Structure formats: structure tokens, C-alpha cells
Protein backbone atom coordinates (compact mmCIF):
# COMPACT_ATOMS: atom_id res chain seq x y z
CA MET A 1 7.73 78.69 173.96
CA SER A 2 5.54 75.68 173.16
CA THR A 3 6.69 72.19 174.01
CA ASP A 4 5.56 68.87 172.56
CA PHE A 5 6.03 65.76 174.66
CA ALA A 6 3.67 63.49 172.71
CA SER A 7 6.51 61.23 171.55
CA LEU A 8 7.61 60.34 175.10
CA GLN A 9 6.92 56.75 176.18
CA ASN A 10 8.11 56.59 179.80
CA VAL A 11 7.65 60.16 181.04
CA LEU A 12 4.45 62.19 181.32
CA VAL A 13 4.39 65.99 181.41
CA ALA A 14 1.31 67.90 182.57
CA ARG A 15 0.80 71.60 183.25
CA ASP A 16 -0.87 73.18 186.26
CA GLY A 17 -0.59 76.90 185.71
CA HIS A 18 3.09 77.78 185.83
CA LEU A 19 3.98 74.36 187.24
CA ALA A 20 5.17 71.44 185.10
CA ILE A 21 4.33 68.08 186.67
CA VAL A 22 6.78 65.47 185.39
CA THR A 23 5.88 61.83 186.11
CA VAL A 24 8.13 58.83 185.54
CA ASN A 25 5.61 56.45 184.03
CA ARG A 26 6.72 52.79 184.13
CA PRO A 27 4.48 51.51 186.95
CA SER A 28 4.81 47.87 185.86
CA LYS A 29 8.58 48.25 186.50
CA LEU A 30 8.08 50.39 189.63
CA ASN A 31 9.22 53.32 187.45
CA ALA A 32 12.76 51.95 187.23
CA LEU A 33 15.21 54.03 185.21
CA ASP A 34 16.39 52.53 181.94
CA ASN A 35 18.39 54.34 179.26
CA GLN A 36 15.29 55.49 177.41
CA THR A 37 13.69 56.92 180.54
CA ILE A 38 16.91 58.73 181.43
CA SER A 39 17.11 60.20 177.92
CA GLU A 40 13.47 61.28 178.05
CA LEU A 41 13.96 62.96 181.42
CA HIS A 42 16.96 64.83 180.03
CA THR A 43 14.90 66.03 177.05
CA VAL A 44 12.06 67.14 179.31
CA VAL A 45 14.33 69.15 181.61
CA VAL A 46 16.01 70.93 178.69
CA GLN A 47 12.68 71.86 177.10
CA LEU A 48 10.99 72.95 180.32
CA GLU A 49 13.96 75.09 181.29
CA ALA A 50 13.65 76.91 177.94
CA ASP A 51 9.89 77.46 178.35
CA ASP A 52 9.34 80.91 179.85
CA THR A 53 5.82 79.97 180.99
CA VAL A 54 7.17 77.27 183.33
CA GLY A 55 8.13 78.55 186.75
CA ALA A 56 8.93 75.30 188.58
CA ILE A 57 9.08 71.55 187.99
CA VAL A 58 7.50 68.93 190.26
CA LEU A 59 8.90 65.43 189.74
CA THR A 60 7.03 62.32 190.87
CA GLY A 61 6.32 58.69 189.96
CA ALA A 62 3.27 56.96 188.49
CA GLY A 63 1.12 54.81 190.77
CA GLU A 64 1.10 54.50 194.54
CA LYS A 65 4.00 52.10 195.08
CA ALA A 66 7.06 53.87 193.71
CA PHE A 67 8.62 57.23 193.01
CA VAL A 68 11.45 55.47 191.18
CA ALA A 69 12.53 52.09 192.53
CA GLY A 70 16.05 52.22 191.11
CA ALA A 71 17.77 51.47 187.84
CA ASP A 72 16.64 48.63 185.59
CA ILE A 73 18.44 45.58 187.05
CA SER A 74 17.86 43.52 183.90
CA VAL A 75 20.07 46.02 182.06
CA LEU A 76 22.71 46.37 184.78
CA ALA A 77 23.12 42.57 185.03
CA LYS A 78 24.50 42.44 181.48
CA GLN A 79 27.00 45.30 181.64
CA GLY A 80 30.78 45.10 181.60
CA VAL A 81 33.47 47.62 182.46
CA LEU A 82 33.05 49.97 179.50
CA ASP A 83 29.28 49.94 179.18
CA GLY A 84 28.98 50.09 182.97
CA ARG A 85 30.96 53.31 182.99
CA ASP A 86 28.99 54.63 180.03
CA ASN A 87 25.68 53.79 181.73
CA ALA A 88 26.80 55.62 184.86
CA ARG A 89 27.85 58.69 182.89
CA HIS A 90 24.58 58.67 180.95
CA GLY A 91 22.64 58.83 184.21
CA GLN A 92 25.02 61.34 185.79
CA VAL A 93 24.70 63.77 182.87
CA MET A 94 20.90 63.79 183.21
CA MET A 95 21.07 64.18 186.99
CA SER A 96 23.48 67.11 186.68
CA ARG A 97 21.25 68.73 184.07
CA LEU A 98 18.33 68.43 186.47
CA GLU A 99 20.38 69.75 189.40
CA ASN A 100 21.58 72.76 187.40
CA CYS A 101 18.18 73.68 185.95
CA VAL A 102 17.66 77.40 186.53
CA LYS A 103 14.13 76.75 187.79
CA PRO A 104 13.17 75.18 191.11
CA VAL A 105 12.79 71.39 190.93
CA LEU A 106 10.80 69.68 193.69
CA ALA A 107 10.63 65.91 194.23
CA ALA A 108 7.31 64.47 195.42
CA ILE A 109 8.45 61.04 196.63
CA ASN A 110 5.24 59.03 196.58
CA GLY A 111 6.69 55.57 197.28
CA PHE A 112 9.94 53.64 196.93
CA ALA A 113 12.93 55.88 196.13
CA LEU A 114 15.72 53.36 195.95
CA GLY A 115 19.08 53.37 194.16
CA GLY A 116 18.72 55.48 191.04
CA GLY A 117 15.38 56.73 192.35
CA LEU A 118 16.96 58.25 195.43
CA GLU A 119 19.77 59.59 193.24
CA LEU A 120 17.13 61.28 191.07
CA ALA A 121 15.54 62.85 194.15
CA LEU A 122 18.96 64.00 195.38
CA ALA A 123 19.44 65.94 192.13
CA CYS A 124 16.28 67.94 192.86
CA ASP A 125 16.43 71.15 194.89
CA VAL A 126 14.05 70.02 197.63
CA ARG A 127 12.41 66.71 198.45
CA PHE A 128 9.10 65.86 200.10
CA ALA A 129 7.96 62.34 200.92
CA ALA A 130 4.72 60.51 201.51
CA SER A 131 4.58 59.02 205.01
CA THR A 132 4.62 55.57 203.38
CA ALA A 133 7.77 56.19 201.31
CA LYS A 134 10.93 54.12 201.67
CA LEU A 135 14.32 55.54 200.70
CA GLY A 136 17.76 54.01 200.33
CA LEU A 137 20.80 53.17 198.25
CA PRO A 138 20.79 49.34 198.30
CA GLU A 139 23.40 48.86 195.57
CA VAL A 140 25.93 47.07 197.80
CA SER A 141 23.37 44.31 198.39
CA LEU A 142 23.60 43.66 194.62
CA GLY A 143 27.38 43.75 194.60
CA ILE A 144 27.61 47.18 192.95
CA VAL A 145 27.90 50.82 194.00
CA PRO A 146 25.69 53.81 193.20
CA GLY A 147 26.52 55.20 189.77
CA TYR A 148 24.24 58.20 189.25
CA GLY A 149 25.75 60.51 191.87
CA GLY A 150 24.58 58.98 195.13
CA THR A 151 28.04 58.63 196.65
CA GLN A 152 28.67 62.33 196.04
CA ARG A 153 25.34 64.07 196.66
CA LEU A 154 24.17 62.11 199.72
CA PRO A 155 27.15 62.95 202.00
CA ARG A 156 27.02 66.57 200.87
CA LEU A 157 23.39 66.68 201.95
CA ILE A 158 23.29 64.72 205.23
CA GLY A 159 26.96 64.37 206.21
CA THR A 160 29.58 61.68 205.71
CA GLY A 161 28.73 59.42 208.66
CA PRO A 162 24.97 59.06 208.04
CA ALA A 163 25.58 58.75 204.30
CA LEU A 164 28.15 56.00 204.75
CA GLN A 165 25.80 54.09 207.04
CA LEU A 166 23.13 54.10 204.34
CA LEU A 167 25.63 53.33 201.58
CA LEU A 168 27.44 50.51 203.39
CA THR A 169 24.38 48.76 204.83
CA GLY A 170 22.13 49.26 201.83
CA ASP A 171 19.28 49.66 204.33
CA HIS A 172 15.97 51.31 203.49
CA ILE A 173 14.70 54.03 205.80
CA GLY A 174 11.21 55.41 206.29
CA ALA A 175 10.07 58.94 205.60
CA ASP A 176 10.28 60.07 209.23
CA GLU A 177 13.91 58.93 209.51
CA ALA A 178 14.67 60.63 206.19
CA LEU A 179 13.22 63.83 207.62
CA ARG A 180 15.32 63.50 210.79
CA LEU A 181 18.47 63.11 208.68
CA GLY A 182 17.62 66.11 206.50
CA LEU A 183 17.25 63.89 203.45
CA VAL A 184 13.72 65.22 202.86
CA ASN A 185 12.26 68.61 203.68
CA GLY A 186 8.83 67.41 204.79
CA VAL A 187 6.55 64.39 205.14
CA PHE A 188 2.86 64.34 204.21
CA ALA A 189 0.05 61.81 204.11
CA PRO A 190 0.05 60.09 200.69
CA GLU A 191 -3.12 61.82 199.52
CA GLU A 192 -1.76 65.22 200.58
CA LEU A 193 1.72 64.88 199.07
CA LEU A 194 1.21 66.25 195.57
CA PRO A 195 -1.18 69.07 196.60
CA LYS A 196 1.24 70.18 199.34
CA VAL A 197 4.27 70.06 197.03
CA LYS A 198 2.36 72.05 194.40
CA GLU A 199 1.48 74.62 197.07
CA ILE A 200 5.16 75.03 197.98
CA ALA A 201 6.13 75.18 194.28
CA ARG A 202 3.56 77.93 193.67
CA ARG A 203 5.09 79.99 196.48
CA MET A 204 8.45 79.69 194.73
CA VAL A 205 6.92 80.64 191.38
CA SER A 206 5.46 83.78 192.95
CA ARG A 207 9.02 85.05 193.52
CA GLY A 208 11.34 86.65 190.99
CA PRO A 209 12.45 84.10 188.37
CA THR A 210 15.95 85.53 187.96
CA ALA A 211 16.32 85.75 191.73
CA LEU A 212 15.40 82.06 192.00
CA ALA A 213 17.96 81.11 189.37
CA LEU A 214 20.74 83.13 190.98
CA ALA A 215 19.91 81.88 194.49
CA LYS A 216 20.24 78.32 193.18
CA GLN A 217 23.50 79.20 191.46
CA ALA A 218 24.93 80.76 194.62
CA VAL A 219 24.18 77.64 196.66
CA ARG A 220 25.23 75.08 194.04
CA ARG A 221 28.49 76.80 193.11
CA GLY A 222 29.21 78.02 196.61
CA ALA A 223 29.10 74.50 198.05
CA HIS A 224 32.42 73.79 196.31
CA LEU A 225 34.14 77.06 197.29
CA SER A 226 35.84 78.41 200.38
CA LEU A 227 33.69 80.74 202.49
CA GLU A 228 35.62 83.74 201.22
CA ASP A 229 35.17 82.76 197.58
CA GLY A 230 31.53 81.91 198.20
CA LEU A 231 30.90 85.34 199.68
CA GLN A 232 32.53 86.94 196.64
CA LEU A 233 30.28 84.87 194.39
CA GLU A 234 27.24 86.01 196.36
CA ALA A 235 28.30 89.66 196.07
CA ASP A 236 28.83 89.29 192.31
CA LEU A 237 25.37 87.77 191.84
CA PHE A 238 23.84 90.43 194.10
CA GLY A 239 25.40 93.10 191.91
CA MET A 240 24.24 91.32 188.75
CA ILE A 241 20.59 91.22 189.78
CA SER A 242 20.67 94.82 190.96
CA SER A 243 20.70 95.93 187.32
CA THR A 244 17.60 93.99 186.29
CA ALA A 245 14.03 95.12 185.62
CA GLU A 246 12.97 92.29 187.91
CA MET A 247 14.73 93.88 190.86
CA LYS A 248 13.21 97.28 190.09
CA GLU A 249 9.71 95.76 189.85
CA GLY A 250 10.17 93.83 193.10
CA MET A 251 11.32 96.91 194.99
CA ALA A 252 8.60 99.12 193.49
CA ALA A 253 5.90 96.58 194.34
CA PHE A 254 7.09 96.43 197.95
CA LEU A 255 7.11 100.22 198.32
CA GLU A 256 3.73 100.53 196.62
CA LYS A 257 2.25 97.71 198.76
CA ARG A 258 1.20 95.57 195.79
CA LYS A 259 2.12 92.19 194.36
CA PRO A 260 4.99 92.27 191.82
CA SER A 261 4.28 91.54 188.18
CA TRP A 262 7.06 89.29 186.95
CA LEU A 263 7.78 88.75 183.27
CA ARG A 264 6.19 85.31 183.04
CA SER A 265 3.43 84.85 180.39
């Protein structure tokens, strides 16, 4: 499937083999999320998910200062009850679409990931940060609360106590502290960040695409189930993939001591 992103104004999409590199491109605004950027990200995720030649998505920010430094405060300052709720839902829908993408999504956090920026990273499957990155949910310092999923995803990832400390202080933390908390999966020197994340993404792409999708589904859905129900879900998905050509190719390749040939053009 071919994709055309020429009409996008705030998001860049580049290809590197089977990887799609998606860059939030508003460096003069520290890549802050406004409604247009959120809509463009949603469009990009939908189209890349439908493109069989894309194996994984790497999400980053333009420039050296910011991944995404939050939502656009000039917009938030004017909102009332109804449009505030609508703005939150608009962002949440995009974040959920990103989170539920069947393909691996990796965040390369190259600078500030604050407010909506950290919420965007939380919707990715795995997160890696430059050693210079700063992360946080500073909304309470502006007299508001996170609205794009931060109050829900952060405690699920790092636990209630550490999440509440970040949420209630609004403090920024460095990359090493984020790694200690389990908020990011790894920390690299700024110049090594994108190459290292691409390397990890390529390892994922070398695996079975259906297996990747079902592994994500098992974890995402299982997080909201009892252990017993989660195990049943895992067994159902294990049975589902056992009938696929992908499984047969993977097993045959192992027995024949060769690399598998997945159905990705």
C-alpha cells in the first residue's frame, strides 16, 4: 500500500527500510501538540498501520531541544468546560489509536517530553531517551491536570506512588531517573539515540508480524483482566497463531537452520 503524507504540515514521515520514522515537526513551538498536530498524528498512524511494507514505527521530535514539550498552552488558556473536555478526548483518541496499533511503536525521546509529550511517549510500546532528556507531567503547576491519558497510563507503568509523586509535584526528572523508575527502557547519548532505537526496531521487524501484533494484544488486553482471564486470552491467541502460515514458516526456518521469510514486501 502506498501512502502520501505530502499534505502534512506538522508531522514528517520518512522511511528507512521497513521502519517508518515519524517526527513531530514544530521546533519553533518545541513540537507542542495542537489540534492539527494531533489530527495529523492520528492520520499517520492509521495509514502506516495499513501499509504492509511498514514493520515498526519510530516516533521522535524535530530539533535537539524537544521530543514534544506538551500541549499548546495558548490554546488551553482559552478553553472552557465543554471544549476542554473535547480537547482532552481528541488527544485521548489519538493516543489510544497509537497504543493499539498492531505494529511496534518506539519513542525516541530526544529532549523535553513534558505534559502531552510524555503522554504521547506513554502511548508507545517502548521508550528510549537521550541522556539530556527531561520528562514530566507539570500540569498542576498550570492549575490543570493531564488530559491525554497521563493519569491512567503512568501509574500502570511505574506504579501508583511514583506516578502520584510526579503528578502532584509537577517535577521534571532526568533520563537516568526515568530509567530507574521504569519509565524508559534505555538511555543513550543524544547522537546515538535514533540509531540505537532503529537498531532495536529492526530486531522487532525481523520477527513474525502477526506474532508481534498478538503479543501486543495479549499484554494490552491482559493488563485489564484477572490472571485467570489473561491466561485464557493468551491460550486463545496462541491457538489462533498456530493456524497461520507465519507460524509454519517460523518453525520450518528454525528446523532448517535458516532465517524465516515473512510476508512483508
